[in-house]
Amino acid sequence: MQNRYTLITFLIFFFNLANAQISPKEEFRGVWIVTAFNIDWPSSPYLTAEQQKQEFINLLDIHKSYGINAVLVQIKPSGEVFYPSEYEPWSHWLTGKQGKAPEPYYDPVEFMIEECHKRGMEFHAWINPFRYVSNIARVKPVPNHITRQKPEWFINYGGEIVKKYLNPGIPEARAYVIKVIMEIVHKYNVDGIHFDDYFYPIKQNGKEFPDYNTYQLYNKDNLSLGDWRRQNINQFIHDLSDSIIAVKPQIKFGIAPVGIWRNKYQDPEGSDTRGLSAYDQLYADILLWLREGWIDYVAPQIYWNIGSANAGYHKLVDWWSKHVYGKHLYIGQAVHRVNSSRSWQNPSEIPDQIRINRMYPEVKGSIFYSSRNMMTNVNGLNDSLRTDLFLAYAEPPKMPWKHIEPDILIAENTDTVVKYYKLRHIPQPRAPINLSASKIRKEILLSWEMDESQKKFLADTNSYYRVYRFKGKYSRNISDEYLIAETKKPRIMLYKRGKLFGKKYTFVVTAVNAQNKESFPSEDIVLKMKVKD
């Protein structure tokens, strides 16, 4: 019986996989471009400015040719940067010497953004917030470097290669990093601000990150060391998110954590995996940031193959699709691992991973690591994208919570009223919670609640709820076709006909605010009942 069940599951999976090849009109198709150690660009720190430009143009043209519509460029790989900054020196990976500007002078970030936008590609500024010196034995910071101005903010830590890390437990140090990032936000027309998985460093050589003195000094809430570290990172993400929204709310803010939030053996809510987790080893509580709306997208680095025993690709995509809380989910694809071992030799591995992604409406695209690996057309991957999976052009998916609305500005000392369009972040209400049903005589009362943080929604007399009903299972397609009621009260009476144990229906509820922004659906509830249409 068990073998029969396994076979049926296997056949269903591959039937769905075969039908997941339709190219969507909107899909994020990104590539990470690594500048640290000259991995992707520039290929050498000793290229001329013109050679750097030409190399980047060639790179964009090749990626564009097989359907890429976004690049995530590492413009701050450590405590040195690829643009003129008031706070950080020029990177030695750009010019061969820290603090030295390109010759002849140009602004690489301004140039890269212009070239991307010419091609209809998004430019996301990829930043490492807390790694400040990549190898203290080889890199000597310039005199005005922040590690020399504020040495008390930094900790030397590492295995074979000792690095300098900015200590996230110091509030002034976190504020400094936000100031550095906001310089980018103010100066450049970037489409996104992006972090990978560098928060607290993982334990090395069995030794903890040596921040015990900071923990003693700043742990005002008497938290455990792990909870205190997570609180520091949470505060950093929250403050940066608020800062970006206040200045340019149209900018997307995204994180690419390691592929495992927590393992199920650590937390019942975790994935059925065994591996390093973002929550426990890097102190990054990604789910909190998604639930609170502090980030716009998450791109977990699911760097395991489809059949992996410890962390199967399909298992993790399925898990993340259930924990994205209405924000965008892009999957980090491990092109750099193709042909690295026997389990990564299948030429269809990455194409099949993309097909798995498309089985889940919550997955809005992929980001490939990294540019160098994609440029080689390893195992014919680029050909598969160009002629099949990315054959049809797709735009990066829109984020409905980032909104443009008209506003009125009255100029000072004049009677002139100027109408203009201001980019404004109109928050989307959160989904209703605690959806439940109770029998009252021969009817069923469906009721729900709103999170306490939604005070503005609850106080607004123009806000309301929408109730959707699906025959059988919830189809994930929230459209008016399934809408059965709109109500201002957090409850509705369902008038059933016939016996209680009749046909199965699934109900979900959404919240709609005064600006007509609809929340993502609540958790669903299945009721067995016969209803009158």
Protein backbone atom coordinates (compact mmCIF):
# COMPACT_ATOMS: atom_id res chain seq x y z
CA MET A 1 0.00 0.00 0.00
CA GLN A 2 2.87 2.35 0.91
CA ASN A 3 4.58 1.67 -2.44
CA ARG A 4 1.34 2.41 -4.27
CA TYR A 5 0.98 5.72 -2.41
CA THR A 6 4.60 6.66 -3.21
CA LEU A 7 4.08 5.86 -6.90
CA ILE A 8 0.90 7.97 -7.06
CA THR A 9 2.68 10.89 -5.35
CA PHE A 10 5.60 10.53 -7.77
CA LEU A 11 3.29 10.53 -10.82
CA ILE A 12 1.32 13.56 -9.57
CA PHE A 13 4.55 15.48 -8.96
CA PHE A 14 5.90 14.84 -12.45
CA PHE A 15 2.53 15.52 -14.08
CA ASN A 16 2.49 18.91 -12.38
CA LEU A 17 6.14 19.45 -13.34
CA ALA A 18 5.41 18.77 -17.00
CA ASN A 19 2.61 21.34 -16.90
CA ALA A 20 4.72 24.01 -15.18
CA GLN A 21 6.56 25.11 -18.31
CA ILE A 22 4.31 27.97 -19.38
CA SER A 23 6.36 31.16 -19.26
CA PRO A 24 4.56 33.79 -17.15
CA LYS A 25 4.20 37.39 -18.31
CA GLU A 26 5.72 38.60 -15.04
CA GLU A 27 8.69 36.78 -13.54
CA PHE A 28 11.81 37.95 -11.73
CA ARG A 29 14.85 36.64 -13.62
CA GLY A 30 17.90 37.91 -11.80
CA VAL A 31 21.64 37.29 -11.69
CA TRP A 32 24.00 38.04 -8.81
CA ILE A 33 27.11 39.93 -9.95
CA VAL A 34 29.91 39.47 -7.40
CA THR A 35 32.59 42.16 -7.17
CA ALA A 36 34.44 40.82 -4.09
CA PHE A 37 37.72 39.14 -5.05
CA ASN A 38 36.94 40.09 -8.70
CA ILE A 39 34.79 36.98 -9.02
CA ASP A 40 32.39 38.35 -11.66
CA TRP A 41 33.15 42.01 -12.37
CA PRO A 42 35.53 43.61 -12.96
CA SER A 43 37.60 40.57 -13.94
CA SER A 44 40.72 42.38 -12.68
CA PRO A 45 41.30 45.44 -10.47
CA TYR A 46 43.79 46.73 -13.05
CA LEU A 47 41.46 47.28 -15.99
CA THR A 48 41.13 50.79 -17.35
CA ALA A 49 37.84 52.62 -16.83
CA GLU A 50 36.94 51.99 -20.47
CA GLN A 51 37.72 48.28 -20.16
CA GLN A 52 35.57 48.08 -17.05
CA LYS A 53 32.66 49.70 -18.85
CA GLN A 54 32.97 47.47 -21.90
CA GLU A 55 33.20 44.36 -19.77
CA PHE A 56 30.01 45.29 -17.91
CA ILE A 57 28.18 46.07 -21.19
CA ASN A 58 29.17 42.69 -22.62
CA LEU A 59 28.01 41.00 -19.44
CA LEU A 60 24.59 42.70 -19.59
CA ASP A 61 24.13 41.89 -23.28
CA ILE A 62 24.83 38.20 -22.74
CA HIS A 63 22.48 37.98 -19.74
CA LYS A 64 19.81 39.90 -21.63
CA SER A 65 20.09 37.49 -24.59
CA TYR A 66 18.67 34.55 -22.61
CA GLY A 67 15.95 36.46 -20.75
CA ILE A 68 17.46 38.02 -17.62
CA ASN A 69 15.55 41.14 -16.52
CA ALA A 70 17.41 42.13 -13.33
CA VAL A 71 20.94 42.20 -11.97
CA LEU A 72 21.98 42.39 -8.33
CA VAL A 73 25.40 44.04 -8.26
CA GLN A 74 27.60 43.92 -5.16
CA ILE A 75 28.45 47.63 -4.87
CA LYS A 76 29.45 47.43 -1.19
CA PRO A 77 31.16 44.06 -0.68
CA SER A 78 32.79 45.19 2.58
CA GLY A 79 33.87 48.49 4.12
CA GLU A 80 34.83 49.81 0.66
CA VAL A 81 32.55 50.70 -2.23
CA PHE A 82 32.17 51.02 -6.00
CA TYR A 83 30.94 54.62 -6.05
CA PRO A 84 32.06 58.01 -4.68
CA SER A 85 31.03 58.05 -1.02
CA GLU A 86 31.23 60.51 1.83
CA TYR A 87 31.66 57.61 4.27
CA GLU A 88 33.47 54.67 2.64
CA PRO A 89 36.62 54.57 0.44
CA TRP A 90 36.83 53.32 -3.14
CA SER A 91 37.26 49.54 -3.31
CA HIS A 92 40.65 47.99 -4.03
CA TRP A 93 38.78 45.40 -6.11
CA LEU A 94 37.88 48.23 -8.51
CA THR A 95 41.18 50.08 -8.85
CA GLY A 96 43.81 47.90 -7.18
CA LYS A 97 44.20 50.23 -4.21
CA GLN A 98 41.72 51.16 -1.50
CA GLY A 99 40.70 54.80 -1.70
CA LYS A 100 41.83 55.25 -5.31
CA ALA A 101 39.20 56.49 -7.81
CA PRO A 102 38.92 55.12 -11.36
CA GLU A 103 41.13 56.77 -14.00
CA PRO A 104 39.84 58.41 -16.07
CA TYR A 105 37.19 59.17 -13.51
CA TYR A 106 33.64 57.84 -13.78
CA ASP A 107 30.93 56.75 -11.36
CA PRO A 108 30.49 52.97 -11.86
CA VAL A 109 27.08 52.76 -10.14
CA GLU A 110 25.64 55.63 -12.17
CA PHE A 111 27.02 54.00 -15.33
CA MET A 112 25.68 50.53 -14.47
CA ILE A 113 22.19 51.81 -13.64
CA GLU A 114 22.02 53.70 -16.93
CA GLU A 115 23.11 50.65 -18.94
CA CYS A 116 20.62 48.39 -17.14
CA HIS A 117 17.70 50.73 -17.63
CA LYS A 118 18.57 51.12 -21.34
CA ARG A 119 17.95 47.38 -21.64
CA GLY A 120 14.81 47.31 -19.51
CA MET A 121 16.65 45.55 -16.67
CA GLU A 122 16.32 46.32 -12.98
CA PHE A 123 19.40 47.27 -10.96
CA HIS A 124 19.48 46.13 -7.32
CA ALA A 125 22.29 47.47 -5.14
CA TRP A 126 23.72 44.46 -3.30
CA ILE A 127 25.28 45.39 0.05
CA ASN A 128 27.16 43.52 2.77
CA PRO A 129 26.27 45.51 5.89
CA PHE A 130 28.55 44.07 8.60
CA ARG A 131 31.60 42.57 6.87
CA TYR A 132 34.14 45.40 6.83
CA VAL A 133 37.61 43.99 6.11
CA SER A 134 37.72 40.75 4.14
CA ASN A 135 41.26 39.73 5.14
CA ILE A 136 43.10 41.81 7.74
CA ALA A 137 46.43 40.20 6.82
CA ARG A 138 46.26 41.55 3.26
CA VAL A 139 44.02 44.62 3.30
CA LYS A 140 45.27 47.66 5.18
CA PRO A 141 42.44 50.20 5.54
CA VAL A 142 43.15 53.82 4.58
CA PRO A 143 43.57 56.32 7.47
CA ASN A 144 40.01 57.68 7.27
CA HIS A 145 38.43 54.20 7.14
CA ILE A 146 35.72 53.71 9.75
CA THR A 147 37.59 50.74 11.27
CA ARG A 148 40.41 53.13 12.16
CA GLN A 149 38.13 55.99 13.21
CA LYS A 150 35.89 53.81 15.42
CA PRO A 151 37.92 50.67 16.26
CA GLU A 152 35.66 49.93 19.25
CA TRP A 153 32.83 49.13 16.83
CA PHE A 154 34.68 46.21 15.25
CA ILE A 155 35.58 42.63 16.11
CA ASN A 156 38.34 40.51 14.57
CA TYR A 157 36.99 37.03 13.92
CA GLY A 158 37.48 34.15 11.52
CA GLY A 159 39.05 30.82 10.81
CA GLU A 160 42.04 30.69 8.48
CA ILE A 161 41.24 34.18 7.20
CA VAL A 162 40.54 36.68 9.98
CA LYS A 163 38.09 39.41 9.08
CA LYS A 164 36.85 42.60 10.71
CA TYR A 165 33.13 42.58 11.43
CA LEU A 166 31.10 45.56 12.50
CA ASN A 167 29.44 44.63 15.80
CA PRO A 168 25.64 44.64 15.23
CA GLY A 169 25.06 44.88 19.01
CA ILE A 170 26.21 48.54 19.09
CA PRO A 171 23.30 50.89 18.20
CA GLU A 172 25.62 53.65 16.89
CA ALA A 173 27.34 51.15 14.60
CA ARG A 174 24.01 50.00 13.13
CA ALA A 175 22.98 53.63 12.60
CA TYR A 176 26.24 54.25 10.74
CA VAL A 177 25.53 51.39 8.29
CA ILE A 178 22.03 52.75 7.68
CA LYS A 179 23.56 56.16 6.93
CA VAL A 180 25.92 54.56 4.39
CA ILE A 181 23.04 52.75 2.68
CA MET A 182 20.81 55.81 2.67
CA GLU A 183 23.54 57.69 0.79
CA ILE A 184 22.95 55.19 -2.03
CA VAL A 185 19.18 55.61 -1.77
CA HIS A 186 19.47 59.41 -1.98
CA LYS A 187 22.04 59.51 -4.79
CA TYR A 188 21.00 56.78 -7.21
CA ASN A 189 17.97 55.60 -9.13
CA VAL A 190 18.34 52.02 -7.92
CA ASP A 191 15.40 49.63 -8.22
CA GLY A 192 16.26 47.73 -5.08
CA ILE A 193 18.43 47.45 -1.99
CA HIS A 194 19.58 43.87 -1.47
CA PHE A 195 21.39 41.86 1.23
CA ASP A 196 22.53 38.26 1.08
CA ASP A 197 23.07 36.08 4.18
CA TYR A 198 25.83 38.03 5.96
CA PHE A 199 24.43 39.08 9.34
CA TYR A 200 26.14 37.62 12.40
CA PRO A 201 28.97 35.33 11.20
CA ILE A 202 28.55 31.59 11.72
CA LYS A 203 30.59 29.91 14.47
CA GLN A 204 34.11 29.16 13.26
CA ASN A 205 36.60 26.64 14.66
CA GLY A 206 34.14 25.94 17.48
CA LYS A 207 34.49 29.48 18.81
CA GLU A 208 31.62 31.91 19.34
CA PHE A 209 31.63 35.39 17.86
CA PRO A 210 33.32 37.34 20.71
CA ASP A 211 30.64 39.93 21.49
CA TYR A 212 30.07 38.98 25.15
CA ASN A 213 31.08 42.41 26.51
CA THR A 214 28.64 44.13 24.16
CA TYR A 215 25.95 41.65 25.19
CA GLN A 216 26.51 42.53 28.86
CA LEU A 217 26.44 46.25 28.13
CA TYR A 218 23.41 46.49 25.82
CA ASN A 219 21.16 43.59 26.88
CA LYS A 220 18.62 45.79 28.65
CA ASP A 221 15.76 43.26 28.23
CA ASN A 222 17.68 40.39 29.84
CA LEU A 223 17.41 38.22 26.71
CA SER A 224 19.36 35.09 25.91
CA LEU A 225 22.41 35.68 23.70
CA GLY A 226 20.61 34.31 20.63
CA ASP A 227 17.46 36.36 21.18
CA TRP A 228 19.52 39.49 21.84
CA ARG A 229 21.45 39.04 18.59
CA ARG A 230 18.22 38.52 16.67
CA GLN A 231 16.77 41.64 18.31
CA ASN A 232 19.76 43.66 17.05
CA ILE A 233 19.30 42.45 13.48
CA ASN A 234 15.51 42.91 13.68
CA GLN A 235 15.99 46.51 14.81
CA PHE A 236 18.47 47.12 11.98
CA ILE A 237 16.11 45.75 9.30
CA HIS A 238 13.14 47.66 10.73
CA ASP A 239 15.02 50.97 10.90
CA LEU A 240 16.48 50.63 7.41
CA SER A 241 13.08 49.70 5.96
CA ASP A 242 11.48 52.79 7.54
CA SER A 243 14.33 54.98 6.27
CA ILE A 244 13.99 53.74 2.68
CA ILE A 245 10.20 54.15 2.67
CA ALA A 246 10.49 57.70 4.03
CA VAL A 247 12.77 58.77 1.15
CA LYS A 248 11.99 56.55 -1.86
CA PRO A 249 9.15 54.15 -1.10
CA GLN A 250 9.28 52.80 -4.67
CA ILE A 251 12.62 51.09 -3.95
CA LYS A 252 12.33 47.35 -3.29
CA PHE A 253 14.09 45.97 -0.23
CA GLY A 254 15.00 42.29 -0.36
CA ILE A 255 17.03 39.67 1.49
CA ALA A 256 18.63 36.45 0.21
CA PRO A 257 19.10 34.27 3.32
CA VAL A 258 20.43 30.73 3.48
CA GLY A 259 17.76 28.34 2.24
CA ILE A 260 16.72 27.01 5.66
CA TRP A 261 14.93 29.30 8.12
CA ARG A 262 14.87 26.62 10.84
CA ASN A 263 14.84 22.84 10.76
CA LYS A 264 11.77 21.00 12.02
CA TYR A 265 13.81 19.32 14.75
CA GLN A 266 14.57 22.84 16.07
CA ASP A 267 11.09 24.29 15.60
CA PRO A 268 7.76 22.62 14.63
CA GLU A 269 7.22 25.46 12.13
CA GLY A 270 10.56 24.74 10.44
CA SER A 271 11.23 22.75 7.26
CA ASP A 272 11.78 18.99 7.16
CA THR A 273 15.51 19.45 6.60
CA ARG A 274 18.86 19.17 8.32
CA GLY A 275 21.29 22.02 7.76
CA LEU A 276 22.56 25.44 8.78
CA SER A 277 19.66 27.76 9.57
CA ALA A 278 19.32 31.51 9.20
CA TYR A 279 17.52 31.85 12.55
CA ASP A 280 19.94 29.88 14.73
CA GLN A 281 23.35 30.39 13.11
CA LEU A 282 23.05 33.82 11.47
CA TYR A 283 20.46 35.26 13.88
CA ALA A 284 18.23 36.41 11.04
CA ASP A 285 14.49 35.95 11.69
CA ILE A 286 13.35 36.26 8.07
CA LEU A 287 9.76 35.25 8.81
CA LEU A 288 9.36 38.13 11.24
CA TRP A 289 10.57 40.60 8.61
CA LEU A 290 8.09 39.20 6.07
CA ARG A 291 5.18 39.17 8.52
CA GLU A 292 5.87 42.76 9.59
CA GLY A 293 6.26 43.96 5.98
CA TRP A 294 9.80 45.26 6.56
CA ILE A 295 11.07 43.61 3.38
CA ASP A 296 9.45 43.35 -0.04
CA TYR A 297 10.93 40.08 -1.20
CA VAL A 298 12.88 37.10 0.06
CA ALA A 299 15.23 35.04 -2.11
CA PRO A 300 16.28 31.97 -0.10
CA GLN A 301 19.46 30.39 -1.42
CA ILE A 302 18.14 26.87 -2.02
CA TYR A 303 21.49 25.44 -2.99
CA TRP A 304 20.50 21.76 -2.86
CA ASN A 305 19.55 19.50 -5.75
CA ILE A 306 16.06 18.05 -6.20
CA GLY A 307 16.87 14.68 -4.65
CA SER A 308 18.97 15.90 -1.72
CA ALA A 309 18.40 13.82 1.42
CA ASN A 310 19.13 16.59 3.94
CA ALA A 311 17.36 19.47 2.21
CA GLY A 312 15.50 18.51 -0.95
CA TYR A 313 14.92 21.40 -3.36
CA HIS A 314 11.23 20.67 -3.79
CA LYS A 315 10.66 20.40 -0.02
CA LEU A 316 12.19 23.83 0.58
CA VAL A 317 10.33 25.57 -2.25
CA ASP A 318 7.09 24.11 -0.88
CA TRP A 319 7.96 25.29 2.66
CA TRP A 320 8.90 28.84 1.64
CA SER A 321 5.76 29.16 -0.50
CA LYS A 322 3.74 28.69 2.70
CA HIS A 323 5.75 31.24 4.70
CA VAL A 324 6.11 34.30 2.47
CA TYR A 325 3.17 36.25 4.02
CA GLY A 326 2.08 37.96 0.82
CA LYS A 327 5.49 39.32 -0.17
CA HIS A 328 7.44 38.20 -3.22
CA LEU A 329 9.38 34.93 -3.19
CA TYR A 330 12.30 34.50 -5.59
CA ILE A 331 14.44 31.35 -5.39
CA GLY A 332 18.24 31.53 -5.32
CA GLN A 333 19.47 28.94 -7.87
CA ALA A 334 22.89 27.28 -7.41
CA VAL A 335 24.33 27.41 -10.92
CA HIS A 336 27.80 27.43 -9.34
CA ARG A 337 27.18 23.89 -8.09
CA VAL A 338 26.40 22.41 -11.50
CA ASN A 339 28.90 19.58 -12.21
CA SER A 340 30.47 20.06 -8.75
CA SER A 341 29.44 16.53 -7.73
CA ARG A 342 27.63 13.51 -9.13
CA SER A 343 24.27 14.73 -7.83
CA TRP A 344 24.70 17.98 -9.80
CA GLN A 345 25.58 16.46 -13.20
CA ASN A 346 22.05 16.19 -14.58
CA PRO A 347 21.73 18.83 -17.37
CA SER A 348 18.03 19.20 -16.48
CA GLU A 349 18.65 20.01 -12.80
CA ILE A 350 18.30 23.81 -12.96
CA PRO A 351 15.58 23.75 -15.69
CA ASP A 352 13.57 21.29 -13.58
CA GLN A 353 14.04 23.51 -10.54
CA ILE A 354 12.54 26.41 -12.51
CA ARG A 355 9.61 24.17 -13.47
CA ILE A 356 9.11 23.32 -9.79
CA ASN A 357 9.13 27.06 -8.97
CA ARG A 358 6.32 27.61 -11.47
CA MET A 359 4.16 25.01 -9.75
CA TYR A 360 3.75 27.52 -6.89
CA PRO A 361 1.98 30.84 -7.51
CA GLU A 362 3.84 32.32 -4.53
CA VAL A 363 7.18 31.87 -6.34
CA LYS A 364 7.65 34.94 -8.52
CA GLY A 365 11.02 34.08 -10.10
CA SER A 366 14.67 33.12 -9.67
CA ILE A 367 18.06 34.66 -8.99
CA PHE A 368 21.08 32.78 -10.35
CA TYR A 369 24.45 32.57 -8.62
CA SER A 370 26.53 33.90 -10.16
CA SER A 371 27.24 35.87 -13.31
CA ARG A 372 30.51 34.06 -14.06
CA ASN A 373 28.79 30.67 -13.93
CA MET A 374 25.93 31.86 -16.12
CA MET A 375 28.30 33.28 -18.75
CA THR A 376 29.74 29.80 -19.44
CA ASN A 377 26.42 28.23 -20.56
CA VAL A 378 27.21 25.31 -18.25
CA ASN A 379 25.42 22.09 -19.32
CA GLY A 380 23.60 24.13 -21.96
CA LEU A 381 21.58 26.01 -19.30
CA ASN A 382 21.50 29.30 -21.20
CA ASP A 383 20.30 27.48 -24.32
CA SER A 384 17.46 25.91 -22.28
CA LEU A 385 16.48 29.34 -20.99
CA ARG A 386 16.76 31.08 -24.36
CA THR A 387 14.85 28.50 -26.39
CA ASP A 388 12.39 27.18 -23.82
CA LEU A 389 11.87 28.42 -20.28
CA PHE A 390 12.65 32.11 -20.92
CA LEU A 391 11.64 32.11 -24.58
CA ALA A 392 8.89 34.67 -23.94
CA TYR A 393 9.92 38.02 -22.44
CA ALA A 394 8.78 38.65 -18.86
CA GLU A 395 8.76 41.85 -16.83
CA PRO A 396 9.79 41.84 -13.16
CA PRO A 397 6.59 41.26 -11.15
CA LYS A 398 4.77 44.28 -9.76
CA MET A 399 4.39 44.77 -6.04
CA PRO A 400 0.85 46.00 -5.35
CA TRP A 401 1.80 47.51 -1.97
CA LYS A 402 4.12 50.00 -3.71
CA HIS A 403 1.69 52.57 -4.99
CA ILE A 404 1.61 55.86 -6.93
CA GLU A 405 -1.20 58.20 -5.97
CA PRO A 406 -1.89 61.86 -6.74
CA ASP A 407 -1.23 64.42 -4.03
CA ILE A 408 -1.62 68.19 -3.71
CA LEU A 409 1.19 70.61 -2.93
CA ILE A 410 0.41 74.23 -2.06
CA ALA A 411 3.45 76.39 -2.79
CA GLU A 412 4.47 78.78 -0.01
CA ASN A 413 3.65 82.52 -0.34
CA THR A 414 1.58 82.01 -3.48
CA ASP A 415 -1.97 81.11 -4.38
CA THR A 416 -0.72 78.52 -6.85
CA VAL A 417 -1.85 74.97 -6.35
CA VAL A 418 0.42 72.47 -8.08
CA LYS A 419 -0.84 68.97 -8.71
CA TYR A 420 1.88 66.34 -8.87
CA TYR A 421 2.35 62.65 -8.47
CA LYS A 422 4.18 61.56 -5.37
CA LEU A 423 5.41 58.03 -4.84
CA ARG A 424 3.90 57.01 -1.57
CA HIS A 425 3.93 53.78 0.38
CA ILE A 426 0.31 52.94 1.14
CA PRO A 427 0.44 49.99 3.51
CA GLN A 428 -1.61 46.98 2.61
CA PRO A 429 -3.81 45.75 5.45
CA ARG A 430 -2.79 42.46 6.97
CA ALA A 431 -4.82 39.35 6.37
CA PRO A 432 -7.53 38.51 8.90
CA ILE A 433 -6.52 35.93 11.49
CA ASN A 434 -8.19 33.24 13.62
CA LEU A 435 -10.82 32.29 11.02
CA SER A 436 -13.28 29.96 12.74
CA ALA A 437 -16.76 28.50 12.36
CA SER A 438 -19.44 27.68 14.89
CA LYS A 439 -22.87 26.12 14.49
CA ILE A 440 -25.85 28.25 15.54
CA ARG A 441 -29.10 26.30 15.23
CA LYS A 442 -29.17 25.30 11.56
CA GLU A 443 -26.72 27.93 10.37
CA ILE A 444 -22.96 28.38 10.61
CA LEU A 445 -21.31 31.56 11.87
CA LEU A 446 -18.00 32.29 10.18
CA SER A 447 -15.91 34.76 12.21
CA TRP A 448 -12.39 36.18 12.22
CA GLU A 449 -10.19 38.82 13.84
CA MET A 450 -7.63 41.45 12.86
CA ASP A 451 -4.16 41.73 14.33
CA GLU A 452 -3.92 44.35 17.09
CA SER A 453 -1.40 46.31 14.99
CA GLN A 454 -4.15 47.09 12.44
CA LYS A 455 -5.68 49.87 14.55
CA LYS A 456 -5.92 52.28 11.61
CA PHE A 457 -7.82 49.70 9.56
CA LEU A 458 -10.18 48.88 12.45
CA ALA A 459 -10.88 52.55 13.13
CA ASP A 460 -11.64 53.46 9.52
CA THR A 461 -15.36 53.30 8.79
CA ASN A 462 -14.64 52.80 5.06
CA SER A 463 -12.75 49.56 5.54
CA TYR A 464 -14.49 46.22 5.08
CA TYR A 465 -14.00 42.48 4.54
CA ARG A 466 -14.49 40.21 1.55
CA VAL A 467 -15.53 36.56 1.88
CA TYR A 468 -14.59 34.06 -0.85
CA ARG A 469 -15.94 30.53 -1.29
CA PHE A 470 -14.43 27.70 -3.31
CA LYS A 471 -15.94 24.34 -4.16
CA GLY A 472 -13.59 21.74 -2.77
CA LYS A 473 -10.03 22.98 -2.27
CA TYR A 474 -8.92 26.61 -2.23
CA SER A 475 -7.71 27.38 -5.77
CA ARG A 476 -5.40 30.26 -4.66
CA ASN A 477 -7.13 32.40 -7.29
CA ILE A 478 -8.71 35.30 -5.38
CA SER A 479 -11.08 36.81 -7.94
CA ASP A 480 -14.65 38.13 -7.95
CA GLU A 481 -15.76 34.80 -9.42
CA TYR A 482 -15.49 33.34 -5.91
CA LEU A 483 -16.66 36.38 -3.95
CA ILE A 484 -19.86 35.67 -2.01
CA ALA A 485 -20.11 38.58 0.43
CA GLU A 486 -18.72 41.91 1.59
CA THR A 487 -19.22 42.94 5.20
CA LYS A 488 -18.04 45.59 7.63
CA LYS A 489 -18.32 43.21 10.56
CA PRO A 490 -15.75 40.48 11.32
CA ARG A 491 -18.34 37.74 10.92
CA ILE A 492 -20.97 36.44 8.56
CA MET A 493 -23.80 33.92 8.81
CA LEU A 494 -23.68 31.09 6.29
CA TYR A 495 -27.14 29.79 5.55
CA LYS A 496 -26.82 26.10 4.78
CA ARG A 497 -29.38 23.84 3.20
CA GLY A 498 -29.66 20.13 3.92
CA LYS A 499 -27.43 18.18 6.29
CA LEU A 500 -24.33 19.65 7.89
CA PHE A 501 -22.16 16.88 6.42
CA GLY A 502 -22.81 17.67 2.80
CA LYS A 503 -20.53 19.05 0.11
CA LYS A 504 -17.08 20.45 1.02
CA TYR A 505 -16.49 24.18 0.61
CA THR A 506 -13.39 26.21 1.42
CA PHE A 507 -13.69 29.79 2.70
CA VAL A 508 -11.10 32.57 2.95
CA VAL A 509 -11.46 36.21 4.02
CA THR A 510 -9.56 39.35 3.00
CA ALA A 511 -9.46 42.87 4.47
CA VAL A 512 -9.89 45.97 2.26
CA ASN A 513 -8.88 49.44 3.47
CA ALA A 514 -10.19 52.89 2.54
CA GLN A 515 -7.65 53.16 -0.32
CA ASN A 516 -9.10 49.94 -1.79
CA LYS A 517 -5.93 48.00 -0.98
CA GLU A 518 -6.91 44.38 -0.39
CA SER A 519 -4.97 42.16 1.99
CA PHE A 520 -3.71 38.73 1.14
CA PRO A 521 -6.19 36.00 2.08
CA SER A 522 -6.55 34.59 5.56
CA GLU A 523 -5.79 30.98 6.28
CA ASP A 524 -8.55 28.88 4.74
CA ILE A 525 -11.22 26.90 6.54
CA VAL A 526 -12.98 23.86 5.07
CA LEU A 527 -16.64 23.26 5.93
CA LYS A 528 -18.84 20.32 4.97
CA MET A 529 -22.19 21.81 4.10
CA LYS A 530 -24.74 22.19 1.38
CA VAL A 531 -25.24 25.83 0.52
CA LYS A 532 -27.65 27.69 -1.68
CA ASP A 533 -25.77 29.52 -4.44
